[in-house]
């Protein structure tokens, strides 16, 4: 087991990439705290993990509120005595013409996708520094590297997450905290399916545009997260790792 005796928090763990990472971490021996606004959905996943012999608990969190984030970290330490891994996965997408984005929607996107990442990382670091180190993995996006129309808030927040990842990595390296980001391409999640259903993107066009000729699966991302969370990647920090079936490498439409 690659994560035996580790304690991990995964935000946005009720579905999609976050759920897959939480289940995979538990399978690799970590005690996992699943965090989301949807507590009922989390409890079902916790039971699934425990039936498979893993250890997990669910905590409701509003990632846009510092006091809620601090409560999440406190409950984790109260239960397990430490915090080794944080996966900042919680996020929302905000599509539409830039001239029509309301202040409320802009704020909601940035507060969830950027504000939450920073303050969760800060709260985690305040535990990790005195205990002698830890590991933070931010879930970014290829849209933090390559722009897309009608995705201003999402692209801006994910680009900021990439730079934040680098800042925290170099700032906390001497505290033995590693900070990296995963930048997925299009992955088969509820979030992506919602965008497809709304007609904002075409699944056929995505597959055609992707050199591997398929959309990503959540297990693709979970596998990379396990590697980044484990000792095999001990010399990796400040890295933004895209996993996109060749999307960014391909220079043509």
C-alpha atoms as a PDB file:
ATOM      1  CA  UNK A   1       0.000   0.000   0.000  1.00  0.00           C
ATOM      2  CA  UNK A   2       1.538   3.268  -1.161  1.00  0.00           C
ATOM      3  CA  UNK A   3      -0.246   5.541   1.343  1.00  0.00           C
ATOM      4  CA  UNK A   4      -0.316   3.346   4.430  1.00  0.00           C
ATOM      5  CA  UNK A   5      -0.724   5.294   7.702  1.00  0.00           C
ATOM      6  CA  UNK A   6      -1.286   8.577   5.846  1.00  0.00           C
ATOM      7  CA  UNK A   7      -4.191  10.888   6.673  1.00  0.00           C
ATOM      8  CA  UNK A   8      -5.765  12.691   3.723  1.00  0.00           C
ATOM      9  CA  UNK A   9      -8.439  15.307   3.132  1.00  0.00           C
ATOM     10  CA  UNK A  10     -10.114  15.344  -0.276  1.00  0.00           C
ATOM     11  CA  UNK A  11     -12.437  18.281  -0.987  1.00  0.00           C
ATOM     12  CA  UNK A  12     -15.238  17.995  -3.506  1.00  0.00           C
ATOM     13  CA  UNK A  13     -15.256  14.273  -2.763  1.00  0.00           C
ATOM     14  CA  UNK A  14     -18.945  13.569  -3.313  1.00  0.00           C
ATOM     15  CA  UNK A  15     -18.554  12.844  -7.028  1.00  0.00           C
ATOM     16  CA  UNK A  16     -16.284  12.832 -10.061  1.00  0.00           C
ATOM     17  CA  UNK A  17     -12.534  13.183  -9.674  1.00  0.00           C
ATOM     18  CA  UNK A  18     -12.700  13.850  -5.938  1.00  0.00           C
ATOM     19  CA  UNK A  19     -14.696  10.691  -5.262  1.00  0.00           C
ATOM     20  CA  UNK A  20     -12.315   8.587  -7.380  1.00  0.00           C
ATOM     21  CA  UNK A  21      -9.252   9.990  -5.590  1.00  0.00           C
ATOM     22  CA  UNK A  22     -10.772   9.442  -2.140  1.00  0.00           C
ATOM     23  CA  UNK A  23     -11.618   5.809  -2.908  1.00  0.00           C
ATOM     24  CA  UNK A  24      -8.196   5.169  -4.442  1.00  0.00           C
ATOM     25  CA  UNK A  25      -6.365   6.783  -1.493  1.00  0.00           C
ATOM     26  CA  UNK A  26      -8.311   4.581   0.928  1.00  0.00           C
ATOM     27  CA  UNK A  27      -7.459   1.515  -1.163  1.00  0.00           C
ATOM     28  CA  UNK A  28      -3.795   2.480  -0.870  1.00  0.00           C
ATOM     29  CA  UNK A  29      -4.023   2.550   2.938  1.00  0.00           C
ATOM     30  CA  UNK A  30      -4.791   6.184   3.762  1.00  0.00           C
ATOM     31  CA  UNK A  31      -7.396   7.294   6.288  1.00  0.00           C
ATOM     32  CA  UNK A  32      -9.498   9.642   4.169  1.00  0.00           C
ATOM     33  CA  UNK A  33     -11.636  12.601   5.184  1.00  0.00           C
ATOM     34  CA  UNK A  34     -14.171  13.237   2.430  1.00  0.00           C
ATOM     35  CA  UNK A  35     -15.328  16.857   2.342  1.00  0.00           C
ATOM     36  CA  UNK A  36     -18.184  18.425   0.420  1.00  0.00           C
ATOM     37  CA  UNK A  37     -21.373  20.406   0.942  1.00  0.00           C
ATOM     38  CA  UNK A  38     -23.381  17.243   0.247  1.00  0.00           C
ATOM     39  CA  UNK A  39     -22.996  15.211   3.429  1.00  0.00           C
ATOM     40  CA  UNK A  40     -25.500  12.499   2.459  1.00  0.00           C
ATOM     41  CA  UNK A  41     -23.600  11.656  -0.710  1.00  0.00           C
ATOM     42  CA  UNK A  42     -20.354  11.532   1.267  1.00  0.00           C
ATOM     43  CA  UNK A  43     -21.748   9.098   3.816  1.00  0.00           C
ATOM     44  CA  UNK A  44     -22.565   6.621   1.057  1.00  0.00           C
ATOM     45  CA  UNK A  45     -18.958   6.754  -0.153  1.00  0.00           C
ATOM     46  CA  UNK A  46     -17.631   6.393   3.391  1.00  0.00           C
ATOM     47  CA  UNK A  47     -19.671   3.218   3.802  1.00  0.00           C
ATOM     48  CA  UNK A  48     -18.358   1.933   0.471  1.00  0.00           C
ATOM     49  CA  UNK A  49     -14.783   2.520   1.623  1.00  0.00           C
ATOM     50  CA  UNK A  50     -15.344   0.860   4.997  1.00  0.00           C
ATOM     51  CA  UNK A  51     -16.966  -2.190   3.409  1.00  0.00           C
ATOM     52  CA  UNK A  52     -13.762  -2.595   1.396  1.00  0.00           C
ATOM     53  CA  UNK A  53     -11.665  -2.507   4.556  1.00  0.00           C
ATOM     54  CA  UNK A  54     -10.656   1.155   4.406  1.00  0.00           C
ATOM     55  CA  UNK A  55     -10.982   3.996   6.895  1.00  0.00           C
ATOM     56  CA  UNK A  56     -12.861   7.211   6.149  1.00  0.00           C
ATOM     57  CA  UNK A  57     -15.145   9.867   7.548  1.00  0.00           C
ATOM     58  CA  UNK A  58     -17.322  12.572   6.019  1.00  0.00           C
ATOM     59  CA  UNK A  59     -17.297  16.265   6.895  1.00  0.00           C
ATOM     60  CA  UNK A  60     -19.574  18.938   5.491  1.00  0.00           C
ATOM     61  CA  UNK A  61     -17.645  22.004   4.337  1.00  0.00           C
ATOM     62  CA  UNK A  62     -18.317  25.271   2.550  1.00  0.00           C
ATOM     63  CA  UNK A  63     -15.007  25.811   0.807  1.00  0.00           C
ATOM     64  CA  UNK A  64     -15.807  29.524   0.379  1.00  0.00           C
ATOM     65  CA  UNK A  65     -15.772  30.129   4.145  1.00  0.00           C
ATOM     66  CA  UNK A  66     -12.525  30.151   6.123  1.00  0.00           C
ATOM     67  CA  UNK A  67     -14.223  29.119   9.352  1.00  0.00           C
ATOM     68  CA  UNK A  68     -15.702  26.058   7.612  1.00  0.00           C
ATOM     69  CA  UNK A  69     -12.293  25.116   6.182  1.00  0.00           C
ATOM     70  CA  UNK A  70     -10.659  25.487   9.598  1.00  0.00           C
ATOM     71  CA  UNK A  71     -13.367  23.305  11.123  1.00  0.00           C
ATOM     72  CA  UNK A  72     -12.675  20.618   8.503  1.00  0.00           C
ATOM     73  CA  UNK A  73      -8.972  20.540   9.366  1.00  0.00           C
ATOM     74  CA  UNK A  74      -9.680  20.566  13.111  1.00  0.00           C
ATOM     75  CA  UNK A  75     -12.091  17.625  12.837  1.00  0.00           C
ATOM     76  CA  UNK A  76      -9.481  15.716  10.834  1.00  0.00           C
ATOM     77  CA  UNK A  77      -6.748  16.249  13.415  1.00  0.00           C
ATOM     78  CA  UNK A  78      -9.136  15.534  16.303  1.00  0.00           C
ATOM     79  CA  UNK A  79     -10.043  12.197  14.702  1.00  0.00           C
ATOM     80  CA  UNK A  80      -6.706  11.035  13.320  1.00  0.00           C
ATOM     81  CA  UNK A  81      -4.074  13.117  15.120  1.00  0.00           C
ATOM     82  CA  UNK A  82      -2.356  14.480  12.021  1.00  0.00           C
ATOM     83  CA  UNK A  83      -2.775  15.552   8.388  1.00  0.00           C
ATOM     84  CA  UNK A  84      -0.415  14.292   5.679  1.00  0.00           C
ATOM     85  CA  UNK A  85      -2.267  14.912   2.411  1.00  0.00           C
ATOM     86  CA  UNK A  86      -4.651  17.561   1.117  1.00  0.00           C
ATOM     87  CA  UNK A  87      -6.305  17.324  -2.283  1.00  0.00           C
ATOM     88  CA  UNK A  88      -7.921  20.620  -3.281  1.00  0.00           C
ATOM     89  CA  UNK A  89     -10.483  19.312  -5.726  1.00  0.00           C
ATOM     90  CA  UNK A  90     -13.663  21.276  -4.932  1.00  0.00           C
ATOM     91  CA  UNK A  91     -14.594  23.548  -7.816  1.00  0.00           C
ATOM     92  CA  UNK A  92     -17.290  24.847 -10.090  1.00  0.00           C
ATOM     93  CA  UNK A  93     -17.383  25.920 -13.706  1.00  0.00           C
ATOM     94  CA  UNK A  94     -18.873  29.200 -14.839  1.00  0.00           C
ATOM     95  CA  UNK A  95     -19.579  29.446 -18.565  1.00  0.00           C
ATOM     96  CA  UNK A  96     -21.109  32.124 -20.726  1.00  0.00           C
ATOM     97  CA  UNK A  97     -20.207  35.273 -22.648  1.00  0.00           C
ATOM     98  CA  UNK A  98     -17.821  37.456 -20.678  1.00  0.00           C
ATOM     99  CA  UNK A  99     -19.992  40.530 -21.174  1.00  0.00           C
ATOM    100  CA  UNK A 100     -22.840  38.763 -19.359  1.00  0.00           C
ATOM    101  CA  UNK A 101     -21.037  37.433 -16.265  1.00  0.00           C
ATOM    102  CA  UNK A 102     -22.585  38.910 -13.137  1.00  0.00           C
ATOM    103  CA  UNK A 103     -20.481  40.016 -10.162  1.00  0.00           C
ATOM    104  CA  UNK A 104     -22.203  37.321  -8.111  1.00  0.00           C
ATOM    105  CA  UNK A 105     -21.279  34.524 -10.520  1.00  0.00           C
ATOM    106  CA  UNK A 106     -17.725  35.813 -10.957  1.00  0.00           C
ATOM    107  CA  UNK A 107     -17.281  35.944  -7.201  1.00  0.00           C
ATOM    108  CA  UNK A 108     -18.767  32.465  -6.709  1.00  0.00           C
ATOM    109  CA  UNK A 109     -16.355  30.952  -9.251  1.00  0.00           C
ATOM    110  CA  UNK A 110     -13.255  32.642  -7.855  1.00  0.00           C
ATOM    111  CA  UNK A 111     -14.194  32.000  -4.234  1.00  0.00           C
ATOM    112  CA  UNK A 112     -14.693  28.284  -4.895  1.00  0.00           C
ATOM    113  CA  UNK A 113     -11.893  27.605  -7.383  1.00  0.00           C
ATOM    114  CA  UNK A 114      -9.179  29.877  -5.933  1.00  0.00           C
ATOM    115  CA  UNK A 115     -10.089  31.267  -2.504  1.00  0.00           C
ATOM    116  CA  UNK A 116     -10.902  27.770  -1.228  1.00  0.00           C
ATOM    117  CA  UNK A 117      -7.647  26.324  -2.555  1.00  0.00           C
ATOM    118  CA  UNK A 118      -5.530  28.932  -0.797  1.00  0.00           C
ATOM    119  CA  UNK A 119      -7.238  28.880   2.571  1.00  0.00           C
ATOM    120  CA  UNK A 120      -7.485  25.084   2.665  1.00  0.00           C
ATOM    121  CA  UNK A 121      -3.765  24.932   1.876  1.00  0.00           C
ATOM    122  CA  UNK A 122      -3.044  27.512   4.563  1.00  0.00           C
ATOM    123  CA  UNK A 123      -5.053  25.603   7.181  1.00  0.00           C
ATOM    124  CA  UNK A 124      -3.350  22.351   6.208  1.00  0.00           C
ATOM    125  CA  UNK A 125       0.110  23.912   6.311  1.00  0.00           C
ATOM    126  CA  UNK A 126      -0.488  25.139   9.843  1.00  0.00           C
ATOM    127  CA  UNK A 127      -0.790  21.489  10.830  1.00  0.00           C
ATOM    128  CA  UNK A 128       1.843  20.105   8.476  1.00  0.00           C
ATOM    129  CA  UNK A 129       4.642  22.531   9.426  1.00  0.00           C
ATOM    130  CA  UNK A 130       4.844  21.617  13.136  1.00  0.00           C
ATOM    131  CA  UNK A 131       4.420  17.893  12.412  1.00  0.00           C
ATOM    132  CA  UNK A 132       7.383  17.943  10.020  1.00  0.00           C
ATOM    133  CA  UNK A 133       5.867  18.068   6.534  1.00  0.00           C
ATOM    134  CA  UNK A 134       3.037  17.099   4.233  1.00  0.00           C
ATOM    135  CA  UNK A 135       1.773  17.060   0.682  1.00  0.00           C
ATOM    136  CA  UNK A 136      -0.771  19.247  -1.119  1.00  0.00           C
ATOM    137  CA  UNK A 137      -2.236  18.418  -4.529  1.00  0.00           C
ATOM    138  CA  UNK A 138      -4.330  21.016  -6.342  1.00  0.00           C
ATOM    139  CA  UNK A 139      -6.719  19.955  -9.090  1.00  0.00           C
ATOM    140  CA  UNK A 140      -6.306  22.541 -11.829  1.00  0.00           C
ATOM    141  CA  UNK A 141      -7.221  22.205 -15.526  1.00  0.00           C
ATOM    142  CA  UNK A 142      -5.775  22.480 -18.996  1.00  0.00           C
ATOM    143  CA  UNK A 143      -7.916  25.632 -19.105  1.00  0.00           C
ATOM    144  CA  UNK A 144      -5.476  27.140 -16.657  1.00  0.00           C
ATOM    145  CA  UNK A 145      -2.845  26.772 -19.395  1.00  0.00           C
ATOM    146  CA  UNK A 146      -4.837  27.060 -22.631  1.00  0.00           C
ATOM    147  CA  UNK A 147      -7.655  29.616 -22.861  1.00  0.00           C
ATOM    148  CA  UNK A 148     -11.179  28.796 -23.952  1.00  0.00           C
ATOM    149  CA  UNK A 149     -13.943  31.198 -24.993  1.00  0.00           C
ATOM    150  CA  UNK A 150     -16.822  31.841 -22.595  1.00  0.00           C
ATOM    151  CA  UNK A 151     -14.824  30.422 -19.670  1.00  0.00           C
ATOM    152  CA  UNK A 152     -13.300  33.641 -18.294  1.00  0.00           C
ATOM    153  CA  UNK A 153     -13.865  32.967 -14.594  1.00  0.00           C
ATOM    154  CA  UNK A 154     -12.847  29.315 -14.839  1.00  0.00           C
ATOM    155  CA  UNK A 155      -9.717  29.954 -16.899  1.00  0.00           C
ATOM    156  CA  UNK A 156      -8.678  32.856 -14.678  1.00  0.00           C
ATOM    157  CA  UNK A 157      -9.114  30.890 -11.465  1.00  0.00           C
ATOM    158  CA  UNK A 158      -7.297  27.789 -12.732  1.00  0.00           C
ATOM    159  CA  UNK A 159      -4.402  29.863 -14.105  1.00  0.00           C
ATOM    160  CA  UNK A 160      -4.161  31.495 -10.692  1.00  0.00           C
ATOM    161  CA  UNK A 161      -4.187  28.074  -9.004  1.00  0.00           C
ATOM    162  CA  UNK A 162      -1.203  27.059 -11.139  1.00  0.00           C
ATOM    163  CA  UNK A 163       0.818  30.074 -10.017  1.00  0.00           C
ATOM    164  CA  UNK A 164      -0.346  29.674  -6.422  1.00  0.00           C
ATOM    165  CA  UNK A 165       0.872  26.080  -6.548  1.00  0.00           C
ATOM    166  CA  UNK A 166       4.358  27.255  -7.516  1.00  0.00           C
ATOM    167  CA  UNK A 167       4.469  29.991  -4.866  1.00  0.00           C
ATOM    168  CA  UNK A 168       3.441  27.662  -2.045  1.00  0.00           C
ATOM    169  CA  UNK A 169       5.822  24.961  -3.287  1.00  0.00           C
ATOM    170  CA  UNK A 170       8.893  27.179  -3.127  1.00  0.00           C
ATOM    171  CA  UNK A 171       7.777  28.924   0.046  1.00  0.00           C
ATOM    172  CA  UNK A 172       7.138  25.713   1.982  1.00  0.00           C
ATOM    173  CA  UNK A 173       9.833  23.479   0.476  1.00  0.00           C
ATOM    174  CA  UNK A 174      12.140  23.967   3.451  1.00  0.00           C
ATOM    175  CA  UNK A 175       9.223  22.998   5.725  1.00  0.00           C
ATOM    176  CA  UNK A 176       9.067  19.659   3.862  1.00  0.00           C
ATOM    177  CA  UNK A 177       5.676  20.399   2.343  1.00  0.00           C
ATOM    178  CA  UNK A 178       5.345  19.472  -1.321  1.00  0.00           C
ATOM    179  CA  UNK A 179       2.772  21.317  -3.435  1.00  0.00           C
ATOM    180  CA  UNK A 180       1.863  20.185  -6.964  1.00  0.00           C
ATOM    181  CA  UNK A 181      -1.089  20.463  -9.322  1.00  0.00           C
ATOM    182  CA  UNK A 182      -2.842  18.116 -11.696  1.00  0.00           C
ATOM    183  CA  UNK A 183      -4.245  19.756 -14.832  1.00  0.00           C
ATOM    184  CA  UNK A 184      -6.757  17.357 -16.382  1.00  0.00           C
ATOM    185  CA  UNK A 185      -8.145  17.668 -19.861  1.00  0.00           C
ATOM    186  CA  UNK A 186     -11.746  16.681 -20.481  1.00  0.00           C
ATOM    187  CA  UNK A 187     -12.694  13.910 -18.061  1.00  0.00           C
ATOM    188  CA  UNK A 188     -15.985  12.046 -17.857  1.00  0.00           C
ATOM    189  CA  UNK A 189     -17.453  13.682 -14.727  1.00  0.00           C
ATOM    190  CA  UNK A 190     -20.845  15.066 -13.781  1.00  0.00           C
ATOM    191  CA  UNK A 191     -19.459  18.578 -14.242  1.00  0.00           C
ATOM    192  CA  UNK A 192     -18.263  17.935 -17.782  1.00  0.00           C
ATOM    193  CA  UNK A 193     -21.445  16.057 -18.643  1.00  0.00           C
ATOM    194  CA  UNK A 194     -23.484  19.062 -17.487  1.00  0.00           C
ATOM    195  CA  UNK A 195     -21.514  21.342 -19.819  1.00  0.00           C
ATOM    196  CA  UNK A 196     -22.036  18.864 -22.675  1.00  0.00           C
ATOM    197  CA  UNK A 197     -25.753  18.603 -21.927  1.00  0.00           C
ATOM    198  CA  UNK A 198     -26.071  22.385 -22.011  1.00  0.00           C
ATOM    199  CA  UNK A 199     -24.513  22.405 -25.470  1.00  0.00           C
ATOM    200  CA  UNK A 200     -21.504  24.456 -24.400  1.00  0.00           C
ATOM    201  CA  UNK A 201     -19.125  21.788 -25.704  1.00  0.00           C
ATOM    202  CA  UNK A 202     -19.467  18.777 -27.990  1.00  0.00           C
ATOM    203  CA  UNK A 203     -18.344  15.332 -26.828  1.00  0.00           C
ATOM    204  CA  UNK A 204     -17.714  14.340 -30.442  1.00  0.00           C
ATOM    205  CA  UNK A 205     -15.537  17.411 -30.959  1.00  0.00           C
ATOM    206  CA  UNK A 206     -13.572  16.697 -27.774  1.00  0.00           C
ATOM    207  CA  UNK A 207     -12.820  13.132 -28.851  1.00  0.00           C
ATOM    208  CA  UNK A 208     -11.848  14.274 -32.344  1.00  0.00           C
ATOM    209  CA  UNK A 209      -9.566  16.983 -30.936  1.00  0.00           C
ATOM    210  CA  UNK A 210      -7.842  14.598 -28.466  1.00  0.00           C
ATOM    211  CA  UNK A 211      -4.918  12.656 -30.009  1.00  0.00           C
ATOM    212  CA  UNK A 212      -5.701   9.538 -27.971  1.00  0.00           C
ATOM    213  CA  UNK A 213      -9.212   9.612 -29.407  1.00  0.00           C
ATOM    214  CA  UNK A 214     -11.081   9.331 -26.120  1.00  0.00           C
ATOM    215  CA  UNK A 215     -12.279  11.347 -23.172  1.00  0.00           C
ATOM    216  CA  UNK A 216     -10.481  10.878 -19.862  1.00  0.00           C
ATOM    217  CA  UNK A 217     -11.829   8.770 -16.997  1.00  0.00           C
ATOM    218  CA  UNK A 218     -11.703   9.661 -13.322  1.00  0.00           C
ATOM    219  CA  UNK A 219      -9.445   6.674 -12.630  1.00  0.00           C
ATOM    220  CA  UNK A 220      -6.839   8.207 -14.943  1.00  0.00           C
ATOM    221  CA  UNK A 221      -6.627  11.176 -12.595  1.00  0.00           C
ATOM    222  CA  UNK A 222      -6.810   9.108  -9.418  1.00  0.00           C
ATOM    223  CA  UNK A 223      -3.816   7.046 -10.499  1.00  0.00           C
ATOM    224  CA  UNK A 224      -1.696  10.151 -11.004  1.00  0.00           C
ATOM    225  CA  UNK A 225      -2.857  11.542  -7.649  1.00  0.00           C
ATOM    226  CA  UNK A 226      -1.657   8.389  -5.879  1.00  0.00           C
ATOM    227  CA  UNK A 227       1.769   8.747  -7.487  1.00  0.00           C
ATOM    228  CA  UNK A 228       2.008  12.425  -6.520  1.00  0.00           C
ATOM    229  CA  UNK A 229       0.862  11.650  -2.969  1.00  0.00           C
ATOM    230  CA  UNK A 230       3.375   8.851  -2.438  1.00  0.00           C
ATOM    231  CA  UNK A 231       7.083   8.656  -1.734  1.00  0.00           C
ATOM    232  CA  UNK A 232       7.968   7.817  -5.364  1.00  0.00           C
ATOM    233  CA  UNK A 233       7.451  11.496  -6.246  1.00  0.00           C
ATOM    234  CA  UNK A 234       9.452  12.849  -3.292  1.00  0.00           C
ATOM    235  CA  UNK A 235      11.570  15.160  -5.504  1.00  0.00           C
ATOM    236  CA  UNK A 236       8.517  16.671  -7.198  1.00  0.00           C
ATOM    237  CA  UNK A 237       7.220  20.046  -6.044  1.00  0.00           C
ATOM    238  CA  UNK A 238       5.929  23.114  -7.861  1.00  0.00           C
ATOM    239  CA  UNK A 239       4.927  20.994 -10.861  1.00  0.00           C
ATOM    240  CA  UNK A 240       1.789  21.423 -12.957  1.00  0.00           C
ATOM    241  CA  UNK A 241       1.183  18.019 -14.557  1.00  0.00           C
ATOM    242  CA  UNK A 242      -1.267  17.943 -17.438  1.00  0.00           C
ATOM    243  CA  UNK A 243      -3.065  14.661 -18.098  1.00  0.00           C
ATOM    244  CA  UNK A 244      -5.162  15.195 -21.183  1.00  0.00           C
ATOM    245  CA  UNK A 245      -4.677  12.492 -23.811  1.00  0.00           C
ATOM    246  CA  UNK A 246      -2.328  14.803 -25.718  1.00  0.00           C
ATOM    247  CA  UNK A 247      -4.718  17.810 -25.821  1.00  0.00           C
ATOM    248  CA  UNK A 248      -2.116  20.473 -24.991  1.00  0.00           C
ATOM    249  CA  UNK A 249       0.552  18.880 -27.160  1.00  0.00           C
ATOM    250  CA  UNK A 250      -1.679  18.973 -30.242  1.00  0.00           C
ATOM    251  CA  UNK A 251      -1.429  22.330 -31.940  1.00  0.00           C
ATOM    252  CA  UNK A 252      -4.285  22.103 -34.445  1.00  0.00           C
ATOM    253  CA  UNK A 253      -8.067  22.228 -34.206  1.00  0.00           C
END
